[in-house]
PDB file of N, CA and C in Angstrom:
ATOM      1  N   UNK A   1      -4.906  -9.556 -12.543  1.00  0.00           N
ATOM      2  CA  UNK A   1      -4.892  -9.459 -11.097  1.00  0.00           C
ATOM      3  C   UNK A   1      -4.022 -10.588 -10.554  1.00  0.00           C
ATOM      4  N   UNK A   2      -3.185 -10.247  -9.587  1.00  0.00           N
ATOM      5  CA  UNK A   2      -2.334 -11.241  -8.939  1.00  0.00           C
ATOM      6  C   UNK A   2      -2.583 -11.195  -7.439  1.00  0.00           C
ATOM      7  N   UNK A   3      -2.298 -12.285  -6.779  1.00  0.00           N
ATOM      8  CA  UNK A   3      -2.472 -12.361  -5.332  1.00  0.00           C
ATOM      9  C   UNK A   3      -1.320 -11.641  -4.643  1.00  0.00           C
ATOM     10  N   UNK A   4      -1.639 -10.703  -3.760  1.00  0.00           N
ATOM     11  CA  UNK A   4      -0.612  -9.923  -3.067  1.00  0.00           C
ATOM     12  C   UNK A   4       0.269 -10.810  -2.197  1.00  0.00           C
ATOM     13  N   UNK A   5      -0.261 -11.905  -1.707  1.00  0.00           N
ATOM     14  CA  UNK A   5       0.526 -12.786  -0.840  1.00  0.00           C
ATOM     15  C   UNK A   5       1.594 -13.561  -1.616  1.00  0.00           C
ATOM     16  N   UNK A   6       1.492 -13.597  -2.932  1.00  0.00           N
ATOM     17  CA  UNK A   6       2.460 -14.329  -3.761  1.00  0.00           C
ATOM     18  C   UNK A   6       3.548 -13.429  -4.338  1.00  0.00           C
ATOM     19  N   UNK A   7       3.449 -12.115  -4.095  1.00  0.00           N
ATOM     20  CA  UNK A   7       4.404 -11.157  -4.651  1.00  0.00           C
ATOM     21  C   UNK A   7       5.668 -11.119  -3.805  1.00  0.00           C
ATOM     22  N   UNK A   8       6.814 -11.229  -4.451  1.00  0.00           N
ATOM     23  CA  UNK A   8       8.103 -11.107  -3.772  1.00  0.00           C
ATOM     24  C   UNK A   8       8.605  -9.672  -3.858  1.00  0.00           C
ATOM     25  N   UNK A   9       8.530  -9.073  -5.059  1.00  0.00           N
ATOM     26  CA  UNK A   9       9.038  -7.715  -5.241  1.00  0.00           C
ATOM     27  C   UNK A   9       8.301  -7.021  -6.378  1.00  0.00           C
ATOM     28  N   UNK A  10       8.243  -5.693  -6.276  1.00  0.00           N
ATOM     29  CA  UNK A  10       7.707  -4.851  -7.339  1.00  0.00           C
ATOM     30  C   UNK A  10       8.789  -3.825  -7.640  1.00  0.00           C
ATOM     31  N   UNK A  11       9.319  -3.857  -8.854  1.00  0.00           N
ATOM     32  CA  UNK A  11      10.462  -3.015  -9.201  1.00  0.00           C
ATOM     33  C   UNK A  11      10.227  -2.308 -10.532  1.00  0.00           C
ATOM     34  N   UNK A  12      11.016  -1.267 -10.771  1.00  0.00           N
ATOM     35  CA  UNK A  12      10.998  -0.566 -12.052  1.00  0.00           C
ATOM     36  C   UNK A  12      11.821  -1.365 -13.066  1.00  0.00           C
ATOM     37  N   UNK A  13      11.478  -1.294 -14.343  1.00  0.00           N
ATOM     38  CA  UNK A  13      12.148  -2.121 -15.357  1.00  0.00           C
ATOM     39  C   UNK A  13      13.409  -1.503 -15.955  1.00  0.00           C
ATOM     40  N   UNK A  14      13.926  -0.441 -15.364  1.00  0.00           N
ATOM     41  CA  UNK A  14      14.986   0.335 -16.001  1.00  0.00           C
ATOM     42  C   UNK A  14      16.383  -0.267 -15.903  1.00  0.00           C
ATOM     43  N   UNK A  15      16.694  -0.977 -14.839  1.00  0.00           N
ATOM     44  CA  UNK A  15      18.072  -1.426 -14.625  1.00  0.00           C
ATOM     45  C   UNK A  15      18.408  -2.659 -15.471  1.00  0.00           C
ATOM     46  N   UNK A  16      19.687  -2.820 -15.726  1.00  0.00           N
ATOM     47  CA  UNK A  16      20.159  -3.953 -16.531  1.00  0.00           C
ATOM     48  C   UNK A  16      19.834  -5.307 -15.894  1.00  0.00           C
ATOM     49  N   UNK A  17      19.988  -5.478 -14.561  1.00  0.00           N
ATOM     50  CA  UNK A  17      19.638  -6.782 -13.980  1.00  0.00           C
ATOM     51  C   UNK A  17      18.155  -7.142 -14.151  1.00  0.00           C
ATOM     52  N   UNK A  18      17.284  -6.155 -14.068  1.00  0.00           N
ATOM     53  CA  UNK A  18      15.851  -6.424 -14.250  1.00  0.00           C
ATOM     54  C   UNK A  18      15.566  -6.749 -15.711  1.00  0.00           C
ATOM     55  N   UNK A  19      16.216  -6.059 -16.626  1.00  0.00           N
ATOM     56  CA  UNK A  19      16.045  -6.372 -18.050  1.00  0.00           C
ATOM     57  C   UNK A  19      16.511  -7.793 -18.346  1.00  0.00           C
ATOM     58  N   UNK A  20      17.618  -8.218 -17.706  1.00  0.00           N
ATOM     59  CA  UNK A  20      18.104  -9.599 -17.860  1.00  0.00           C
ATOM     60  C   UNK A  20      17.088 -10.585 -17.301  1.00  0.00           C
ATOM     61  N   UNK A  21      16.526 -10.263 -16.130  1.00  0.00           N
ATOM     62  CA  UNK A  21      15.518 -11.121 -15.505  1.00  0.00           C
ATOM     63  C   UNK A  21      14.304 -11.281 -16.416  1.00  0.00           C
ATOM     64  N   UNK A  22      13.870 -10.192 -17.029  1.00  0.00           N
ATOM     65  CA  UNK A  22      12.733 -10.237 -17.952  1.00  0.00           C
ATOM     66  C   UNK A  22      13.058 -11.142 -19.141  1.00  0.00           C
ATOM     67  N   UNK A  23      14.244 -10.994 -19.724  1.00  0.00           N
ATOM     68  CA  UNK A  23      14.627 -11.808 -20.878  1.00  0.00           C
ATOM     69  C   UNK A  23      14.733 -13.283 -20.509  1.00  0.00           C
ATOM     70  N   UNK A  24      15.323 -13.579 -19.344  1.00  0.00           N
ATOM     71  CA  UNK A  24      15.429 -14.969 -18.899  1.00  0.00           C
ATOM     72  C   UNK A  24      14.048 -15.574 -18.671  1.00  0.00           C
ATOM     73  N   UNK A  25      13.154 -14.788 -18.099  1.00  0.00           N
ATOM     74  CA  UNK A  25      11.794 -15.258 -17.860  1.00  0.00           C
ATOM     75  C   UNK A  25      11.069 -15.494 -19.182  1.00  0.00           C
ATOM     76  N   UNK A  26      11.279 -14.617 -20.144  1.00  0.00           N
ATOM     77  CA  UNK A  26      10.675 -14.785 -21.474  1.00  0.00           C
ATOM     78  C   UNK A  26      11.173 -16.084 -22.111  1.00  0.00           C
ATOM     79  N   UNK A  27      12.474 -16.343 -21.987  1.00  0.00           N
ATOM     80  CA  UNK A  27      13.057 -17.559 -22.564  1.00  0.00           C
ATOM     81  C   UNK A  27      12.514 -18.821 -21.898  1.00  0.00           C
ATOM     82  N   UNK A  28      12.279 -18.767 -20.573  1.00  0.00           N
ATOM     83  CA  UNK A  28      11.761 -19.922 -19.826  1.00  0.00           C
ATOM     84  C   UNK A  28      10.258 -20.105 -20.002  1.00  0.00           C
ATOM     85  N   UNK A  29       9.572 -19.078 -20.482  1.00  0.00           N
ATOM     86  CA  UNK A  29       8.128 -19.162 -20.646  1.00  0.00           C
ATOM     87  C   UNK A  29       7.353 -18.804 -19.393  1.00  0.00           C
ATOM     88  N   UNK A  30       7.985 -18.092 -18.466  1.00  0.00           N
ATOM     89  CA  UNK A  30       7.308 -17.713 -17.222  1.00  0.00           C
ATOM     90  C   UNK A  30       7.006 -16.220 -17.167  1.00  0.00           C
ATOM     91  N   UNK A  31       7.074 -15.545 -18.316  1.00  0.00           N
ATOM     92  CA  UNK A  31       6.781 -14.115 -18.372  1.00  0.00           C
ATOM     93  C   UNK A  31       5.307 -13.904 -18.681  1.00  0.00           C
ATOM     94  N   UNK A  32       4.669 -13.027 -17.925  1.00  0.00           N
ATOM     95  CA  UNK A  32       3.280 -12.648 -18.176  1.00  0.00           C
ATOM     96  C   UNK A  32       3.276 -11.165 -18.509  1.00  0.00           C
ATOM     97  N   UNK A  33       2.913 -10.837 -19.742  1.00  0.00           N
ATOM     98  CA  UNK A  33       2.903  -9.447 -20.192  1.00  0.00           C
ATOM     99  C   UNK A  33       1.488  -8.901 -20.057  1.00  0.00           C
ATOM    100  N   UNK A  34       1.268  -8.081 -19.038  1.00  0.00           N
ATOM    101  CA  UNK A  34      -0.051  -7.500 -18.788  1.00  0.00           C
ATOM    102  C   UNK A  34      -0.079  -6.022 -19.161  1.00  0.00           C
ATOM    103  N   UNK A  35       0.766  -5.622 -20.110  1.00  0.00           N
ATOM    104  CA  UNK A  35       0.857  -4.210 -20.486  1.00  0.00           C
ATOM    105  C   UNK A  35      -0.129  -3.826 -21.583  1.00  0.00           C
ATOM    106  N   UNK A  36      -0.693  -4.795 -22.287  1.00  0.00           N
ATOM    107  CA  UNK A  36      -1.605  -4.538 -23.407  1.00  0.00           C
ATOM    108  C   UNK A  36      -0.969  -3.618 -24.440  1.00  0.00           C
ATOM    109  N   UNK A  37       0.340  -3.800 -24.691  1.00  0.00           N
ATOM    110  CA  UNK A  37       1.032  -3.026 -25.703  1.00  0.00           C
ATOM    111  C   UNK A  37       1.559  -1.685 -25.240  1.00  0.00           C
ATOM    112  N   UNK A  38       1.281  -1.326 -24.013  1.00  0.00           N
ATOM    113  CA  UNK A  38       1.778  -0.050 -23.492  1.00  0.00           C
ATOM    114  C   UNK A  38       3.179  -0.234 -22.916  1.00  0.00           C
ATOM    115  N   UNK A  39       3.791   0.871 -22.515  1.00  0.00           N
ATOM    116  CA  UNK A  39       5.138   0.845 -21.950  1.00  0.00           C
ATOM    117  C   UNK A  39       5.130   0.144 -20.592  1.00  0.00           C
ATOM    118  N   UNK A  40       6.126  -0.701 -20.354  1.00  0.00           N
ATOM    119  CA  UNK A  40       6.264  -1.383 -19.065  1.00  0.00           C
ATOM    120  C   UNK A  40       6.764  -0.394 -18.028  1.00  0.00           C
ATOM    121  N   UNK A  41       6.011  -0.233 -16.936  1.00  0.00           N
ATOM    122  CA  UNK A  41       6.398   0.708 -15.888  1.00  0.00           C
ATOM    123  C   UNK A  41       6.690   0.009 -14.570  1.00  0.00           C
ATOM    124  N   UNK A  42       6.252  -1.250 -14.426  1.00  0.00           N
ATOM    125  CA  UNK A  42       6.527  -2.008 -13.203  1.00  0.00           C
ATOM    126  C   UNK A  42       6.724  -3.474 -13.557  1.00  0.00           C
ATOM    127  N   UNK A  43       7.601  -4.119 -12.799  1.00  0.00           N
ATOM    128  CA  UNK A  43       7.855  -5.545 -12.956  1.00  0.00           C
ATOM    129  C   UNK A  43       7.533  -6.196 -11.619  1.00  0.00           C
ATOM    130  N   UNK A  44       6.600  -7.140 -11.635  1.00  0.00           N
ATOM    131  CA  UNK A  44       6.180  -7.832 -10.418  1.00  0.00           C
ATOM    132  C   UNK A  44       6.804  -9.223 -10.441  1.00  0.00           C
ATOM    133  N   UNK A  45       7.584  -9.527  -9.412  1.00  0.00           N
ATOM    134  CA  UNK A  45       8.251 -10.822  -9.312  1.00  0.00           C
ATOM    135  C   UNK A  45       7.469 -11.675  -8.319  1.00  0.00           C
ATOM    136  N   UNK A  46       7.028 -12.849  -8.775  1.00  0.00           N
ATOM    137  CA  UNK A  46       6.171 -13.717  -7.980  1.00  0.00           C
ATOM    138  C   UNK A  46       6.981 -14.857  -7.356  1.00  0.00           C
ATOM    139  N   UNK A  47       6.425 -15.481  -6.320  1.00  0.00           N
ATOM    140  CA  UNK A  47       7.110 -16.588  -5.650  1.00  0.00           C
ATOM    141  C   UNK A  47       7.142 -17.857  -6.494  1.00  0.00           C
ATOM    142  N   UNK A  48       6.370 -17.914  -7.556  1.00  0.00           N
ATOM    143  CA  UNK A  48       6.328 -19.081  -8.438  1.00  0.00           C
ATOM    144  C   UNK A  48       7.319 -18.964  -9.601  1.00  0.00           C
ATOM    145  N   UNK A  49       8.237 -17.998  -9.529  1.00  0.00           N
ATOM    146  CA  UNK A  49       9.209 -17.703 -10.583  1.00  0.00           C
ATOM    147  C   UNK A  49       8.587 -17.034 -11.798  1.00  0.00           C
ATOM    148  N   UNK A  50       7.332 -16.636 -11.724  1.00  0.00           N
ATOM    149  CA  UNK A  50       6.722 -15.872 -12.801  1.00  0.00           C
ATOM    150  C   UNK A  50       7.111 -14.410 -12.649  1.00  0.00           C
ATOM    151  N   UNK A  51       7.204 -13.733 -13.782  1.00  0.00           N
ATOM    152  CA  UNK A  51       7.482 -12.305 -13.814  1.00  0.00           C
ATOM    153  C   UNK A  51       6.334 -11.658 -14.580  1.00  0.00           C
ATOM    154  N   UNK A  52       5.697 -10.665 -13.964  1.00  0.00           N
ATOM    155  CA  UNK A  52       4.545  -9.997 -14.557  1.00  0.00           C
ATOM    156  C   UNK A  52       4.946  -8.577 -14.924  1.00  0.00           C
ATOM    157  N   UNK A  53       4.731  -8.205 -16.191  1.00  0.00           N
ATOM    158  CA  UNK A  53       4.985  -6.842 -16.637  1.00  0.00           C
ATOM    159  C   UNK A  53       3.689  -6.055 -16.542  1.00  0.00           C
ATOM    160  N   UNK A  54       3.766  -4.850 -15.969  1.00  0.00           N
ATOM    161  CA  UNK A  54       2.583  -4.026 -15.767  1.00  0.00           C
ATOM    162  C   UNK A  54       2.791  -2.646 -16.372  1.00  0.00           C
ATOM    163  N   UNK A  55       1.714  -2.050 -16.879  1.00  0.00           N
ATOM    164  CA  UNK A  55       1.780  -0.715 -17.463  1.00  0.00           C
ATOM    165  C   UNK A  55       1.531   0.377 -16.436  1.00  0.00           C
ATOM    166  N   UNK A  56       1.241   0.014 -15.194  1.00  0.00           N
ATOM    167  CA  UNK A  56       1.059   1.025 -14.145  1.00  0.00           C
ATOM    168  C   UNK A  56       2.337   1.122 -13.321  1.00  0.00           C
ATOM    169  N   UNK A  57       2.530   2.253 -12.666  1.00  0.00           N
ATOM    170  CA  UNK A  57       3.781   2.502 -11.945  1.00  0.00           C
ATOM    171  C   UNK A  57       3.917   1.590 -10.727  1.00  0.00           C
ATOM    172  N   UNK A  58       5.148   1.363 -10.272  1.00  0.00           N
ATOM    173  CA  UNK A  58       5.362   0.530  -9.083  1.00  0.00           C
ATOM    174  C   UNK A  58       4.630   1.070  -7.856  1.00  0.00           C
ATOM    175  N   UNK A  59       4.556   2.393  -7.722  1.00  0.00           N
ATOM    176  CA  UNK A  59       3.865   2.995  -6.584  1.00  0.00           C
ATOM    177  C   UNK A  59       2.378   2.648  -6.602  1.00  0.00           C
ATOM    178  N   UNK A  60       1.776   2.691  -7.780  1.00  0.00           N
ATOM    179  CA  UNK A  60       0.355   2.355  -7.917  1.00  0.00           C
ATOM    180  C   UNK A  60       0.121   0.885  -7.607  1.00  0.00           C
ATOM    181  N   UNK A  61       1.000   0.019  -8.097  1.00  0.00           N
ATOM    182  CA  UNK A  61       0.867  -1.417  -7.830  1.00  0.00           C
ATOM    183  C   UNK A  61       0.966  -1.678  -6.331  1.00  0.00           C
ATOM    184  N   UNK A  62       1.933  -1.036  -5.666  1.00  0.00           N
ATOM    185  CA  UNK A  62       2.086  -1.202  -4.210  1.00  0.00           C
ATOM    186  C   UNK A  62       0.846  -0.719  -3.475  1.00  0.00           C
ATOM    187  N   UNK A  63       0.313   0.411  -3.900  1.00  0.00           N
ATOM    188  CA  UNK A  63      -0.891   0.943  -3.267  1.00  0.00           C
ATOM    189  C   UNK A  63      -2.074   0.008  -3.417  1.00  0.00           C
ATOM    190  N   UNK A  64      -2.244  -0.557  -4.599  1.00  0.00           N
ATOM    191  CA  UNK A  64      -3.353  -1.488  -4.828  1.00  0.00           C
ATOM    192  C   UNK A  64      -3.162  -2.770  -4.029  1.00  0.00           C
ATOM    193  N   UNK A  65      -1.925  -3.226  -3.901  1.00  0.00           N
ATOM    194  CA  UNK A  65      -1.653  -4.428  -3.106  1.00  0.00           C
ATOM    195  C   UNK A  65      -1.965  -4.169  -1.638  1.00  0.00           C
ATOM    196  N   UNK A  66      -1.624  -2.989  -1.150  1.00  0.00           N
ATOM    197  CA  UNK A  66      -1.918  -2.639   0.243  1.00  0.00           C
ATOM    198  C   UNK A  66      -3.426  -2.575   0.471  1.00  0.00           C
ATOM    199  N   UNK A  67      -4.166  -2.030  -0.491  1.00  0.00           N
ATOM    200  CA  UNK A  67      -5.628  -1.984  -0.384  1.00  0.00           C
ATOM    201  C   UNK A  67      -6.204  -3.391  -0.328  1.00  0.00           C
ATOM    202  N   UNK A  68      -5.666  -4.296  -1.138  1.00  0.00           N
ATOM    203  CA  UNK A  68      -6.150  -5.678  -1.163  1.00  0.00           C
ATOM    204  C   UNK A  68      -5.923  -6.352   0.185  1.00  0.00           C
ATOM    205  N   UNK A  69      -4.757  -6.110   0.796  1.00  0.00           N
ATOM    206  CA  UNK A  69      -4.463  -6.706   2.098  1.00  0.00           C
ATOM    207  C   UNK A  69      -5.419  -6.189   3.161  1.00  0.00           C
ATOM    208  N   UNK A  70      -5.751  -4.904   3.117  1.00  0.00           N
ATOM    209  CA  UNK A  70      -6.682  -4.323   4.089  1.00  0.00           C
ATOM    210  C   UNK A  70      -8.061  -4.951   3.921  1.00  0.00           C
ATOM    211  N   UNK A  71      -8.502  -5.143   2.673  1.00  0.00           N
ATOM    212  CA  UNK A  71      -9.805  -5.755   2.419  1.00  0.00           C
ATOM    213  C   UNK A  71      -9.846  -7.191   2.919  1.00  0.00           C
ATOM    214  N   UNK A  72      -8.742  -7.932   2.757  1.00  0.00           N
ATOM    215  CA  UNK A  72      -8.701  -9.319   3.219  1.00  0.00           C
ATOM    216  C   UNK A  72      -8.738  -9.388   4.738  1.00  0.00           C
ATOM    217  N   UNK A  73      -8.065  -8.444   5.409  1.00  0.00           N
ATOM    218  CA  UNK A  73      -8.029  -8.429   6.871  1.00  0.00           C
ATOM    219  C   UNK A  73      -9.349  -7.962   7.462  1.00  0.00           C
ATOM    220  N   UNK A  74     -10.014  -7.025   6.789  1.00  0.00           N
ATOM    221  CA  UNK A  74     -11.207  -6.380   7.330  1.00  0.00           C
ATOM    222  C   UNK A  74     -12.423  -7.148   7.078  1.00  0.00           C
TER     223      UNK A  74
END
């Protein structure tokens, strides 16, 4: 679980620039792999320069983040 207020972007891992970002983050030690061995379907970029790999789709991650914001406001 990550804080929605710390998320900068949620993107798909398919493009070459995102793959480069993942590799650079792995080299720096700021990569968090939360896929549990499954295929990476979303990449969450945090304001702390951490990159989180997720096995759920970007749409699902966005939906869950929106739900979290509503719960915090309500």
